[in-house]
């Protein structure tokens, strides 16, 4: 309850400040980390996501695409937004994440940092949190992320933590029929 009150008090001014100062590297990463600490509460996630936090985070990711630590913090925040416990709210928040290009931003970061194990670890964790939603799973399959997951395993078979995270991500897709077909047909 206390975290929600804090979130209510800082959400609007923080999001406005991100809009104004997103080009400031120091401010952006601190603001994202602040939202990240608040995003451990479902009520705060709903408040932030419905207020446009995903859109602003994606914008900041693009502004700071050359800074892996900033991109990583932004992916972690989007991951938290996709990890809401309530199934109905999860569906609503995931729809907003997709609409505001949160999923696309993660995939773009994965392509840009395709040799960065730390970024890939965080990104596949985010995809795991988001991929439990049927619409998100459909979009991930459509965008070829299953194939990308298998390629990551092949390219980084010596990185046990990364392989485990990719497998965890693929496991959540087994709830989606289209994903199961692609996973089953991959490498046959």
Protein backbone atom coordinates (compact mmCIF):
# COMPACT_ATOMS: atom_id res chain seq x y z
CA UNK A 1 0.00 0.00 0.00
CA UNK A 2 2.84 2.38 0.84
CA UNK A 3 4.62 1.66 -2.45
CA UNK A 4 1.40 2.46 -4.36
CA UNK A 5 1.07 5.81 -2.55
CA UNK A 6 4.66 6.65 -3.45
CA UNK A 7 4.01 5.56 -7.02
CA UNK A 8 0.91 7.75 -7.24
CA UNK A 9 2.87 10.71 -5.92
CA UNK A 10 5.87 10.41 -8.26
CA UNK A 11 4.45 8.77 -11.39
CA UNK A 12 3.17 11.82 -13.28
CA UNK A 13 6.06 14.17 -12.43
CA UNK A 14 8.60 11.43 -13.17
CA UNK A 15 7.08 10.61 -16.55
CA UNK A 16 6.92 14.31 -17.46
CA UNK A 17 10.56 14.70 -16.47
CA UNK A 18 11.55 11.70 -18.59
CA UNK A 19 9.79 13.32 -21.53
CA UNK A 20 11.74 16.54 -21.02
CA UNK A 21 15.11 15.13 -19.99
CA UNK A 22 15.33 11.74 -21.71
CA UNK A 23 18.41 12.84 -23.66
CA UNK A 24 20.31 13.20 -20.38
CA UNK A 25 22.05 9.85 -19.90
CA UNK A 26 22.32 10.16 -16.13
CA UNK A 27 18.72 11.23 -15.66
CA UNK A 28 17.27 8.55 -17.95
CA UNK A 29 18.97 5.61 -16.26
CA UNK A 30 18.14 6.93 -12.77
CA UNK A 31 14.50 7.47 -13.72
CA UNK A 32 14.25 3.98 -15.24
CA UNK A 33 15.78 2.46 -12.10
CA UNK A 34 13.36 4.43 -9.93
CA UNK A 35 10.42 3.11 -11.95
CA UNK A 36 11.99 -0.34 -11.78
CA UNK A 37 11.93 -0.34 -7.99
CA UNK A 38 8.29 0.72 -8.06
CA UNK A 39 7.40 -1.86 -10.72
CA UNK A 40 7.56 -4.73 -8.26
CA UNK A 41 3.95 -3.98 -7.33
CA UNK A 42 1.14 -4.89 -9.74
CA UNK A 43 -0.81 -1.73 -8.84
CA UNK A 44 2.22 0.42 -9.63
CA UNK A 45 2.79 -1.41 -12.91
CA UNK A 46 -0.79 -0.69 -13.98
CA UNK A 47 -0.47 2.98 -13.03
CA UNK A 48 2.85 3.46 -14.84
CA UNK A 49 1.97 1.47 -17.96
CA UNK A 50 -1.42 3.15 -18.33
CA UNK A 51 0.35 6.52 -18.00
CA UNK A 52 2.66 5.87 -20.97
CA UNK A 53 5.79 4.64 -19.18
CA UNK A 54 6.48 2.01 -21.84
CA UNK A 55 6.40 4.54 -24.68
CA UNK A 56 8.78 6.86 -22.82
CA UNK A 57 11.10 3.99 -21.91
CA UNK A 58 11.25 2.89 -25.54
CA UNK A 59 12.01 6.45 -26.62
CA UNK A 60 14.83 6.62 -24.08
CA UNK A 61 16.19 3.26 -25.24
CA UNK A 62 16.48 4.67 -28.74
CA UNK A 63 18.13 7.85 -27.42
CA UNK A 64 20.73 5.80 -25.54
CA UNK A 65 21.07 2.78 -27.84
CA UNK A 66 24.87 3.03 -27.68
CA UNK A 67 24.91 2.63 -23.89
CA UNK A 68 24.39 -1.07 -23.04
CA UNK A 69 23.84 -0.42 -19.34
CA UNK A 70 21.02 2.03 -20.14
CA UNK A 71 19.45 -0.39 -22.60
CA UNK A 72 19.72 -3.18 -20.03
CA UNK A 73 17.97 -1.10 -17.35
CA UNK A 74 15.19 -0.21 -19.78
CA UNK A 75 14.71 -3.86 -20.80
CA UNK A 76 14.53 -4.86 -17.12
CA UNK A 77 11.82 -2.25 -16.56
CA UNK A 78 9.79 -3.46 -19.55
CA UNK A 79 10.31 -7.00 -18.27
CA UNK A 80 8.84 -5.99 -14.91
CA UNK A 81 5.87 -4.43 -16.71
CA UNK A 82 5.30 -7.82 -18.39
CA UNK A 83 5.54 -9.79 -15.13
CA UNK A 84 2.27 -8.76 -13.55
CA UNK A 85 0.70 -11.54 -11.46
CA UNK A 86 -3.02 -11.07 -12.23
CA UNK A 87 -3.82 -12.83 -15.54
CA UNK A 88 -6.46 -10.35 -16.70
CA UNK A 89 -4.28 -7.35 -15.88
CA UNK A 90 -1.30 -9.13 -17.45
CA UNK A 91 -3.22 -9.39 -20.72
CA UNK A 92 -4.12 -5.69 -20.63
CA UNK A 93 -0.59 -4.55 -19.74
CA UNK A 94 0.97 -6.79 -22.39
CA UNK A 95 -1.37 -5.33 -25.02
CA UNK A 96 -0.12 -1.86 -24.07
CA UNK A 97 3.51 -3.05 -24.10
CA UNK A 98 3.04 -4.32 -27.63
CA UNK A 99 1.11 -1.23 -28.76
CA UNK A 100 3.76 1.11 -27.34
CA UNK A 101 6.57 -0.89 -29.02
CA UNK A 102 8.08 -2.34 -25.84
CA UNK A 103 8.39 -5.78 -27.42
CA UNK A 104 9.87 -4.32 -30.60
CA UNK A 105 12.41 -2.33 -28.57
CA UNK A 106 13.59 -5.48 -26.80
CA UNK A 107 13.95 -7.31 -30.11
CA UNK A 108 15.82 -4.36 -31.64
CA UNK A 109 18.21 -4.36 -28.67
CA UNK A 110 18.76 -8.10 -29.12
CA UNK A 111 19.73 -7.54 -32.75
CA UNK A 112 21.99 -4.60 -31.95
CA UNK A 113 23.68 -6.38 -29.04
CA UNK A 114 23.59 -9.86 -30.57
CA UNK A 115 27.00 -10.75 -29.11
CA UNK A 116 26.38 -9.30 -25.64
CA UNK A 117 25.56 -12.12 -23.25
CA UNK A 118 24.38 -9.75 -20.47
CA UNK A 119 21.92 -7.99 -22.79
CA UNK A 120 20.69 -11.28 -24.26
CA UNK A 121 20.17 -12.72 -20.76
CA UNK A 122 18.03 -9.76 -19.72
CA UNK A 123 16.19 -9.72 -23.04
CA UNK A 124 15.25 -13.41 -22.93
CA UNK A 125 14.08 -12.98 -19.34
CA UNK A 126 11.87 -10.11 -20.52
CA UNK A 127 10.53 -12.21 -23.40
CA UNK A 128 9.75 -14.97 -20.90
CA UNK A 129 7.76 -12.52 -18.76
CA UNK A 130 5.91 -11.11 -21.76
CA UNK A 131 5.58 -14.35 -23.78
CA UNK A 132 3.11 -15.99 -21.42
CA UNK A 133 0.40 -13.84 -23.02
CA UNK A 134 -1.21 -15.44 -26.08
CA UNK A 135 -1.10 -12.32 -28.27
CA UNK A 136 2.51 -11.66 -27.34
CA UNK A 137 3.43 -15.29 -28.06
CA UNK A 138 1.76 -15.03 -31.47
CA UNK A 139 3.71 -11.87 -32.24
CA UNK A 140 6.99 -13.44 -31.07
CA UNK A 141 6.41 -16.43 -33.34
CA UNK A 142 5.47 -14.14 -36.23
CA UNK A 143 8.67 -12.12 -35.73
CA UNK A 144 10.86 -15.23 -35.82
CA UNK A 145 11.98 -15.14 -32.20
CA UNK A 146 11.78 -18.94 -31.89
CA UNK A 147 14.37 -19.29 -34.64
CA UNK A 148 16.42 -16.54 -33.00
CA UNK A 149 16.27 -18.48 -29.71
CA UNK A 150 17.65 -21.62 -31.34
CA UNK A 151 20.36 -19.58 -33.05
CA UNK A 152 21.31 -18.06 -29.71
CA UNK A 153 21.63 -21.53 -28.19
CA UNK A 154 23.85 -22.63 -31.09
CA UNK A 155 26.02 -19.52 -30.95
CA UNK A 156 26.37 -19.47 -27.17
CA UNK A 157 26.23 -23.16 -26.21
CA UNK A 158 29.14 -22.51 -23.83
CA UNK A 159 27.13 -19.87 -21.87
CA UNK A 160 25.12 -22.04 -19.49
CA UNK A 161 23.09 -19.21 -17.93
CA UNK A 162 22.10 -17.85 -21.33
CA UNK A 163 21.13 -21.28 -22.67
CA UNK A 164 19.06 -21.89 -19.52
CA UNK A 165 17.29 -18.52 -19.92
CA UNK A 166 16.54 -19.21 -23.59
CA UNK A 167 15.14 -22.63 -22.67
CA UNK A 168 12.98 -21.03 -19.97
CA UNK A 169 11.67 -18.59 -22.58
CA UNK A 170 10.92 -21.41 -25.03
CA UNK A 171 9.11 -23.31 -22.27
CA UNK A 172 6.62 -20.49 -21.73
CA UNK A 173 5.79 -20.59 -25.45
CA UNK A 174 4.60 -24.20 -25.12
CA UNK A 175 1.24 -22.76 -24.02
CA UNK A 176 0.81 -21.33 -27.52
CA UNK A 177 -0.18 -23.68 -30.34
CA UNK A 178 1.58 -21.75 -33.12
CA UNK A 179 4.76 -21.58 -31.07
CA UNK A 180 4.68 -25.32 -30.36
CA UNK A 181 4.42 -26.01 -34.09
CA UNK A 182 7.43 -23.78 -34.83
CA UNK A 183 9.45 -25.16 -31.89
CA UNK A 184 8.60 -28.71 -32.98
CA UNK A 185 9.53 -28.12 -36.61
CA UNK A 186 12.77 -26.27 -35.84
CA UNK A 187 15.82 -28.44 -36.53
CA UNK A 188 13.91 -31.56 -37.56
